[in-house]
Amino acid sequence: MDTFKTLEIKESVFENNNIQADLLRDELKEEKVFLLNLMSSPGSGKTTTLVRTIEALGEEMNIGIMEADIDSDVDAHTIAQTGTRVIQLHTGGMCHLDADMTRQGLIGLDTDNLDLAILENVGNLVCPAEFDTGASKNAMILSVPEGDDKPLKYPLMFSIVDVLLINKIDAIGFFDFDIEAVKQRVRKLNPNITIIPISAKTGEGIAEWSDWLQQQTITWNQT
């Protein structure tokens, strides 16, 4: 009879990552750097939303961006054109970032004099939701073309974020998208979530989003 050991690694991997995430969060708190973990599907408008965010807040606080992708540096080039500090993170095929990878990114970005660091996570609604990056807050973008059923299909993602941006509302008339149904489904999973409809294309809702982010950053850095 063959003899071998079976090791259940999932729990231990998550447990170790959670420890590292808590340590990173404590360090960022001491450094007075607010870290936002921004997640979504590919093509939801993360980078365009970040450009709008930089335009709204760039003169009021020092911002740094980490662009995470399996490959390519297209998004980092887009952010660099705004004059904002940015670093491209290649995950080597990984579909998410964990706390240690985030720490490496922050070291490469150099958080000296930063008020706000934003991680644009790999475009994926599954893996990024499972790994704590050490972020101060988690944000997610759901775009109208993706459909209003995503909270039903990916409940974990909607459960762990602090704020949901519903993007591309300028196109809502072209899609069968029930925004009130989305809000109800999301709040059933996450009663305390903040939901902000936006259009990164037209700028609608960006002021409300930027105000939320600025207040969260100020609160984090002052307490």
C-alpha atoms as a PDB file:
ATOM      1  CA  MET A   1       0.000   0.000   0.000  1.00  0.00           C
ATOM      2  CA  ASP A   2       1.286   3.447  -0.898  1.00  0.00           C
ATOM      3  CA  THR A   3       1.914   5.676   2.080  1.00  0.00           C
ATOM      4  CA  PHE A   4       1.940   9.424   1.821  1.00  0.00           C
ATOM      5  CA  LYS A   5       0.952  12.478   3.788  1.00  0.00           C
ATOM      6  CA  THR A   6      -1.840  14.830   2.836  1.00  0.00           C
ATOM      7  CA  LEU A   7      -1.257  18.399   3.892  1.00  0.00           C
ATOM      8  CA  GLU A   8      -4.160  20.834   4.023  1.00  0.00           C
ATOM      9  CA  ILE A   9      -2.294  24.000   3.101  1.00  0.00           C
ATOM     10  CA  LYS A  10      -5.129  26.407   2.326  1.00  0.00           C
ATOM     11  CA  GLU A  11      -5.852  27.354   5.929  1.00  0.00           C
ATOM     12  CA  SER A  12      -2.182  27.706   6.856  1.00  0.00           C
ATOM     13  CA  VAL A  13      -1.463  29.822   3.773  1.00  0.00           C
ATOM     14  CA  PHE A  14      -4.326  32.171   4.583  1.00  0.00           C
ATOM     15  CA  GLU A  15      -3.407  32.263   8.273  1.00  0.00           C
ATOM     16  CA  ASN A  16       0.184  33.250   7.537  1.00  0.00           C
ATOM     17  CA  ASN A  17      -0.942  35.860   5.021  1.00  0.00           C
ATOM     18  CA  ASN A  18      -3.386  37.336   7.526  1.00  0.00           C
ATOM     19  CA  ILE A  19      -0.571  37.701  10.064  1.00  0.00           C
ATOM     20  CA  GLN A  20       1.617  39.443   7.495  1.00  0.00           C
ATOM     21  CA  ALA A  21      -1.284  41.672   6.442  1.00  0.00           C
ATOM     22  CA  ASP A  22      -1.911  42.794  10.020  1.00  0.00           C
ATOM     23  CA  LEU A  23       1.782  43.573  10.466  1.00  0.00           C
ATOM     24  CA  LEU A  24       1.839  45.610   7.265  1.00  0.00           C
ATOM     25  CA  ARG A  25      -1.296  47.506   8.284  1.00  0.00           C
ATOM     26  CA  ASP A  26       0.277  48.385  11.630  1.00  0.00           C
ATOM     27  CA  GLU A  27       3.428  49.621   9.902  1.00  0.00           C
ATOM     28  CA  LEU A  28       1.439  51.782   7.492  1.00  0.00           C
ATOM     29  CA  LYS A  29      -0.512  53.191  10.418  1.00  0.00           C
ATOM     30  CA  GLU A  30       2.723  54.227  12.101  1.00  0.00           C
ATOM     31  CA  GLU A  31       4.007  55.729   8.852  1.00  0.00           C
ATOM     32  CA  LYS A  32       0.679  57.536   8.345  1.00  0.00           C
ATOM     33  CA  VAL A  33       0.171  56.066   4.895  1.00  0.00           C
ATOM     34  CA  PHE A  34      -3.334  55.036   3.842  1.00  0.00           C
ATOM     35  CA  LEU A  35      -3.370  52.018   1.512  1.00  0.00           C
ATOM     36  CA  LEU A  36      -6.388  51.390  -0.710  1.00  0.00           C
ATOM     37  CA  ASN A  37      -6.784  48.022  -2.420  1.00  0.00           C
ATOM     38  CA  LEU A  38      -8.814  48.564  -5.614  1.00  0.00           C
ATOM     39  CA  MET A  39     -10.313  45.454  -7.217  1.00  0.00           C
ATOM     40  CA  SER A  40     -12.578  44.662 -10.160  1.00  0.00           C
ATOM     41  CA  SER A  41     -12.970  42.619 -13.319  1.00  0.00           C
ATOM     42  CA  PRO A  42     -10.752  43.453 -16.302  1.00  0.00           C
ATOM     43  CA  GLY A  43     -12.107  46.374 -18.283  1.00  0.00           C
ATOM     44  CA  SER A  44     -14.264  47.842 -15.531  1.00  0.00           C
ATOM     45  CA  GLY A  45     -12.444  51.176 -15.630  1.00  0.00           C
ATOM     46  CA  LYS A  46      -9.995  50.962 -12.713  1.00  0.00           C
ATOM     47  CA  THR A  47      -7.200  52.919 -14.361  1.00  0.00           C
ATOM     48  CA  THR A  48      -9.488  55.592 -15.788  1.00  0.00           C
ATOM     49  CA  THR A  49     -11.075  55.972 -12.359  1.00  0.00           C
ATOM     50  CA  LEU A  50      -7.617  56.364 -10.835  1.00  0.00           C
ATOM     51  CA  VAL A  51      -6.753  59.107 -13.322  1.00  0.00           C
ATOM     52  CA  ARG A  52      -9.944  60.929 -12.323  1.00  0.00           C
ATOM     53  CA  THR A  53      -9.084  60.409  -8.654  1.00  0.00           C
ATOM     54  CA  ILE A  54      -5.612  61.844  -9.140  1.00  0.00           C
ATOM     55  CA  GLU A  55      -7.096  64.852 -10.924  1.00  0.00           C
ATOM     56  CA  ALA A  56      -9.445  65.427  -7.986  1.00  0.00           C
ATOM     57  CA  LEU A  57      -6.999  64.865  -5.118  1.00  0.00           C
ATOM     58  CA  GLY A  58      -3.505  65.234  -6.543  1.00  0.00           C
ATOM     59  CA  GLU A  59      -3.061  68.817  -5.387  1.00  0.00           C
ATOM     60  CA  GLU A  60      -4.343  68.094  -1.878  1.00  0.00           C
ATOM     61  CA  MET A  61      -2.362  64.986  -0.975  1.00  0.00           C
ATOM     62  CA  ASN A  62       0.660  63.002  -2.085  1.00  0.00           C
ATOM     63  CA  ILE A  63      -0.467  59.899  -3.968  1.00  0.00           C
ATOM     64  CA  GLY A  64       1.395  56.816  -5.166  1.00  0.00           C
ATOM     65  CA  ILE A  65      -0.010  54.075  -7.398  1.00  0.00           C
ATOM     66  CA  MET A  66       0.917  50.400  -7.696  1.00  0.00           C
ATOM     67  CA  GLU A  67      -0.297  48.797 -10.923  1.00  0.00           C
ATOM     68  CA  ALA A  68      -0.511  45.000 -10.654  1.00  0.00           C
ATOM     69  CA  ASP A  69      -0.830  42.838 -13.755  1.00  0.00           C
ATOM     70  CA  ILE A  70       0.189  39.378 -14.853  1.00  0.00           C
ATOM     71  CA  ASP A  71       2.097  41.107 -17.651  1.00  0.00           C
ATOM     72  CA  SER A  72       2.219  44.442 -19.520  1.00  0.00           C
ATOM     73  CA  ASP A  73       2.878  47.959 -18.264  1.00  0.00           C
ATOM     74  CA  VAL A  74       0.116  49.781 -20.142  1.00  0.00           C
ATOM     75  CA  ASP A  75      -1.656  50.992 -17.006  1.00  0.00           C
ATOM     76  CA  ALA A  76       1.542  52.244 -15.381  1.00  0.00           C
ATOM     77  CA  HIS A  77       2.279  54.323 -18.487  1.00  0.00           C
ATOM     78  CA  THR A  78      -1.211  55.822 -18.272  1.00  0.00           C
ATOM     79  CA  ILE A  79      -0.731  56.805 -14.629  1.00  0.00           C
ATOM     80  CA  ALA A  80       2.800  58.095 -15.259  1.00  0.00           C
ATOM     81  CA  GLN A  81       1.384  60.619 -17.713  1.00  0.00           C
ATOM     82  CA  THR A  82      -0.365  62.327 -14.778  1.00  0.00           C
ATOM     83  CA  GLY A  83       2.988  62.923 -13.074  1.00  0.00           C
ATOM     84  CA  THR A  84       2.020  60.687 -10.154  1.00  0.00           C
ATOM     85  CA  ARG A  85       4.505  58.314  -8.536  1.00  0.00           C
ATOM     86  CA  VAL A  86       3.781  54.849  -9.956  1.00  0.00           C
ATOM     87  CA  ILE A  87       5.284  51.380 -10.065  1.00  0.00           C
ATOM     88  CA  GLN A  88       4.332  48.399 -12.232  1.00  0.00           C
ATOM     89  CA  LEU A  89       4.067  45.056 -10.435  1.00  0.00           C
ATOM     90  CA  HIS A  90       4.236  41.865 -12.504  1.00  0.00           C
ATOM     91  CA  THR A  91       2.786  38.904 -10.640  1.00  0.00           C
ATOM     92  CA  GLY A  92       4.428  36.153 -12.682  1.00  0.00           C
ATOM     93  CA  GLY A  93       1.113  34.526 -13.517  1.00  0.00           C
ATOM     94  CA  MET A  94      -0.480  34.982 -10.102  1.00  0.00           C
ATOM     95  CA  CYS A  95      -4.082  36.203 -10.254  1.00  0.00           C
ATOM     96  CA  HIS A  96      -3.852  38.265  -7.056  1.00  0.00           C
ATOM     97  CA  LEU A  97      -1.505  40.011  -4.651  1.00  0.00           C
ATOM     98  CA  ASP A  98      -0.988  38.897  -1.075  1.00  0.00           C
ATOM     99  CA  ALA A  99       0.434  40.877   1.838  1.00  0.00           C
ATOM    100  CA  ASP A 100       4.079  40.048   1.134  1.00  0.00           C
ATOM    101  CA  MET A 101       3.774  40.970  -2.539  1.00  0.00           C
ATOM    102  CA  THR A 102       2.080  44.212  -1.535  1.00  0.00           C
ATOM    103  CA  ARG A 103       4.904  44.962   0.892  1.00  0.00           C
ATOM    104  CA  GLN A 104       7.433  44.449  -1.908  1.00  0.00           C
ATOM    105  CA  GLY A 105       5.439  46.811  -4.079  1.00  0.00           C
ATOM    106  CA  LEU A 106       5.335  49.492  -1.400  1.00  0.00           C
ATOM    107  CA  ILE A 107       9.095  49.248  -0.922  1.00  0.00           C
ATOM    108  CA  GLY A 108       9.588  49.647  -4.664  1.00  0.00           C
ATOM    109  CA  LEU A 109       7.119  52.527  -4.804  1.00  0.00           C
ATOM    110  CA  ASP A 110       8.788  54.246  -1.816  1.00  0.00           C
ATOM    111  CA  THR A 111       6.118  55.521   0.550  1.00  0.00           C
ATOM    112  CA  ASP A 112       8.214  58.383   1.941  1.00  0.00           C
ATOM    113  CA  ASN A 113       6.058  61.529   2.031  1.00  0.00           C
ATOM    114  CA  LEU A 114       3.000  59.687   0.691  1.00  0.00           C
ATOM    115  CA  ASP A 115      -0.420  60.253   2.226  1.00  0.00           C
ATOM    116  CA  LEU A 116      -2.234  57.760   0.025  1.00  0.00           C
ATOM    117  CA  ALA A 117      -1.028  54.617  -1.755  1.00  0.00           C
ATOM    118  CA  ILE A 118      -3.406  52.812  -4.096  1.00  0.00           C
ATOM    119  CA  LEU A 119      -2.967  49.237  -5.264  1.00  0.00           C
ATOM    120  CA  GLU A 120      -4.751  48.495  -8.522  1.00  0.00           C
ATOM    121  CA  ASN A 121      -5.053  44.756  -8.032  1.00  0.00           C
ATOM    122  CA  VAL A 122      -5.118  42.170 -10.810  1.00  0.00           C
ATOM    123  CA  GLY A 123      -8.423  42.220 -12.706  1.00  0.00           C
ATOM    124  CA  ASN A 124     -10.308  39.305 -11.166  1.00  0.00           C
ATOM    125  CA  LEU A 125     -13.385  38.911  -8.952  1.00  0.00           C
ATOM    126  CA  VAL A 126     -12.273  35.659  -7.304  1.00  0.00           C
ATOM    127  CA  CYS A 127      -8.656  35.411  -6.094  1.00  0.00           C
ATOM    128  CA  PRO A 128      -8.093  39.014  -4.916  1.00  0.00           C
ATOM    129  CA  ALA A 129     -11.080  38.727  -2.575  1.00  0.00           C
ATOM    130  CA  GLU A 130      -9.448  35.817  -0.746  1.00  0.00           C
ATOM    131  CA  PHE A 131      -6.136  37.475   0.137  1.00  0.00           C
ATOM    132  CA  ASP A 132      -5.744  40.314   2.629  1.00  0.00           C
ATOM    133  CA  THR A 133      -3.177  42.721   1.176  1.00  0.00           C
ATOM    134  CA  GLY A 134      -2.734  44.711   4.374  1.00  0.00           C
ATOM    135  CA  ALA A 135      -4.790  47.557   2.956  1.00  0.00           C
ATOM    136  CA  SER A 136      -6.454  50.149   5.158  1.00  0.00           C
ATOM    137  CA  LYS A 137      -9.639  49.809   3.093  1.00  0.00           C
ATOM    138  CA  ASN A 138     -10.838  47.698   0.172  1.00  0.00           C
ATOM    139  CA  ALA A 139     -12.669  49.137  -2.817  1.00  0.00           C
ATOM    140  CA  MET A 140     -14.308  47.532  -5.821  1.00  0.00           C
ATOM    141  CA  ILE A 141     -15.554  48.733  -9.186  1.00  0.00           C
ATOM    142  CA  LEU A 142     -18.527  47.077 -10.876  1.00  0.00           C
ATOM    143  CA  SER A 143     -19.200  48.407 -14.358  1.00  0.00           C
ATOM    144  CA  VAL A 144     -22.668  48.520 -15.872  1.00  0.00           C
ATOM    145  CA  PRO A 145     -21.827  46.290 -18.891  1.00  0.00           C
ATOM    146  CA  GLU A 146     -20.842  43.455 -16.522  1.00  0.00           C
ATOM    147  CA  GLY A 147     -24.458  43.027 -15.452  1.00  0.00           C
ATOM    148  CA  ASP A 148     -26.406  43.392 -12.230  1.00  0.00           C
ATOM    149  CA  ASP A 149     -26.070  39.716 -11.277  1.00  0.00           C
ATOM    150  CA  LYS A 150     -22.421  39.888 -10.199  1.00  0.00           C
ATOM    151  CA  PRO A 151     -23.208  40.118  -6.453  1.00  0.00           C
ATOM    152  CA  LEU A 152     -25.025  36.798  -6.818  1.00  0.00           C
ATOM    153  CA  LYS A 153     -22.122  35.152  -8.646  1.00  0.00           C
ATOM    154  CA  TYR A 154     -19.213  36.576  -6.632  1.00  0.00           C
ATOM    155  CA  PRO A 155     -20.583  37.175  -3.124  1.00  0.00           C
ATOM    156  CA  LEU A 156     -17.219  37.090  -1.333  1.00  0.00           C
ATOM    157  CA  MET A 157     -15.860  40.063  -3.249  1.00  0.00           C
ATOM    158  CA  PHE A 158     -18.889  42.184  -2.439  1.00  0.00           C
ATOM    159  CA  SER A 159     -18.755  41.048   1.189  1.00  0.00           C
ATOM    160  CA  ILE A 160     -15.202  42.186   1.926  1.00  0.00           C
ATOM    161  CA  VAL A 161     -15.094  45.643   0.331  1.00  0.00           C
ATOM    162  CA  ASP A 162     -15.739  48.909   2.154  1.00  0.00           C
ATOM    163  CA  VAL A 163     -16.886  50.849  -0.887  1.00  0.00           C
ATOM    164  CA  LEU A 164     -18.414  49.853  -4.217  1.00  0.00           C
ATOM    165  CA  LEU A 165     -18.149  52.119  -7.245  1.00  0.00           C
ATOM    166  CA  ILE A 166     -20.743  51.382  -9.922  1.00  0.00           C
ATOM    167  CA  ASN A 167     -18.964  52.675 -13.010  1.00  0.00           C
ATOM    168  CA  LYS A 168     -20.082  53.534 -16.547  1.00  0.00           C
ATOM    169  CA  ILE A 169     -23.481  54.804 -15.430  1.00  0.00           C
ATOM    170  CA  ASP A 170     -23.399  57.054 -18.499  1.00  0.00           C
ATOM    171  CA  ALA A 171     -24.093  53.864 -20.494  1.00  0.00           C
ATOM    172  CA  ILE A 172     -26.831  52.493 -18.267  1.00  0.00           C
ATOM    173  CA  GLY A 173     -29.524  53.185 -20.870  1.00  0.00           C
ATOM    174  CA  PHE A 174     -27.898  50.729 -23.261  1.00  0.00           C
ATOM    175  CA  PHE A 175     -27.870  47.755 -20.880  1.00  0.00           C
ATOM    176  CA  ASP A 176     -30.400  45.754 -18.918  1.00  0.00           C
ATOM    177  CA  PHE A 177     -28.888  46.842 -15.608  1.00  0.00           C
ATOM    178  CA  ASP A 178     -31.029  47.343 -12.506  1.00  0.00           C
ATOM    179  CA  ILE A 179     -28.952  49.551 -10.215  1.00  0.00           C
ATOM    180  CA  GLU A 180     -31.436  49.314  -7.341  1.00  0.00           C
ATOM    181  CA  ALA A 181     -31.324  45.515  -7.525  1.00  0.00           C
ATOM    182  CA  VAL A 182     -27.532  45.681  -7.309  1.00  0.00           C
ATOM    183  CA  LYS A 183     -27.700  47.887  -4.232  1.00  0.00           C
ATOM    184  CA  GLN A 184     -30.169  45.556  -2.527  1.00  0.00           C
ATOM    185  CA  ARG A 185     -28.129  42.451  -3.322  1.00  0.00           C
ATOM    186  CA  VAL A 186     -24.893  44.041  -2.161  1.00  0.00           C
ATOM    187  CA  ARG A 187     -26.335  45.427   1.077  1.00  0.00           C
ATOM    188  CA  LYS A 188     -27.767  42.016   1.883  1.00  0.00           C
ATOM    189  CA  LEU A 189     -24.192  40.709   1.780  1.00  0.00           C
ATOM    190  CA  ASN A 190     -22.562  43.784   3.283  1.00  0.00           C
ATOM    191  CA  PRO A 191     -24.921  46.111   5.197  1.00  0.00           C
ATOM    192  CA  ASN A 192     -22.263  48.724   6.018  1.00  0.00           C
ATOM    193  CA  ILE A 193     -20.897  49.181   2.510  1.00  0.00           C
ATOM    194  CA  THR A 194     -20.768  52.586   0.824  1.00  0.00           C
ATOM    195  CA  ILE A 195     -22.106  52.526  -2.751  1.00  0.00           C
ATOM    196  CA  ILE A 196     -21.243  55.348  -5.158  1.00  0.00           C
ATOM    197  CA  PRO A 197     -22.429  55.399  -8.795  1.00  0.00           C
ATOM    198  CA  ILE A 198     -19.824  57.034 -11.041  1.00  0.00           C
ATOM    199  CA  SER A 199     -18.825  57.613 -14.619  1.00  0.00           C
ATOM    200  CA  ALA A 200     -15.068  57.739 -15.011  1.00  0.00           C
ATOM    201  CA  LYS A 201     -15.691  58.919 -18.574  1.00  0.00           C
ATOM    202  CA  THR A 202     -17.853  61.961 -17.792  1.00  0.00           C
ATOM    203  CA  GLY A 203     -16.704  62.582 -14.221  1.00  0.00           C
ATOM    204  CA  GLU A 204     -20.127  62.068 -12.673  1.00  0.00           C
ATOM    205  CA  GLY A 205     -19.849  60.888  -9.068  1.00  0.00           C
ATOM    206  CA  ILE A 206     -16.075  61.388  -8.910  1.00  0.00           C
ATOM    207  CA  ALA A 207     -16.414  64.247  -6.410  1.00  0.00           C
ATOM    208  CA  GLU A 208     -18.387  62.042  -4.007  1.00  0.00           C
ATOM    209  CA  TRP A 209     -15.883  59.212  -4.421  1.00  0.00           C
ATOM    210  CA  SER A 210     -12.901  61.522  -3.946  1.00  0.00           C
ATOM    211  CA  ASP A 211     -14.466  63.066  -0.845  1.00  0.00           C
ATOM    212  CA  TRP A 212     -14.975  59.598   0.633  1.00  0.00           C
ATOM    213  CA  LEU A 213     -11.389  58.587  -0.104  1.00  0.00           C
ATOM    214  CA  GLN A 214      -9.936  61.825   1.207  1.00  0.00           C
ATOM    215  CA  GLN A 215     -11.890  61.576   4.451  1.00  0.00           C
ATOM    216  CA  GLN A 216     -10.836  57.960   4.950  1.00  0.00           C
ATOM    217  CA  THR A 217      -7.208  58.936   4.372  1.00  0.00           C
ATOM    218  CA  ILE A 218      -7.347  61.869   6.777  1.00  0.00           C
ATOM    219  CA  THR A 219      -9.012  59.773   9.478  1.00  0.00           C
ATOM    220  CA  TRP A 220      -6.454  56.967   9.085  1.00  0.00           C
ATOM    221  CA  ASN A 221      -3.481  59.314   9.172  1.00  0.00           C
ATOM    222  CA  GLN A 222      -4.705  61.312  12.167  1.00  0.00           C
ATOM    223  CA  THR A 223      -5.741  58.517  14.527  1.00  0.00           C
END
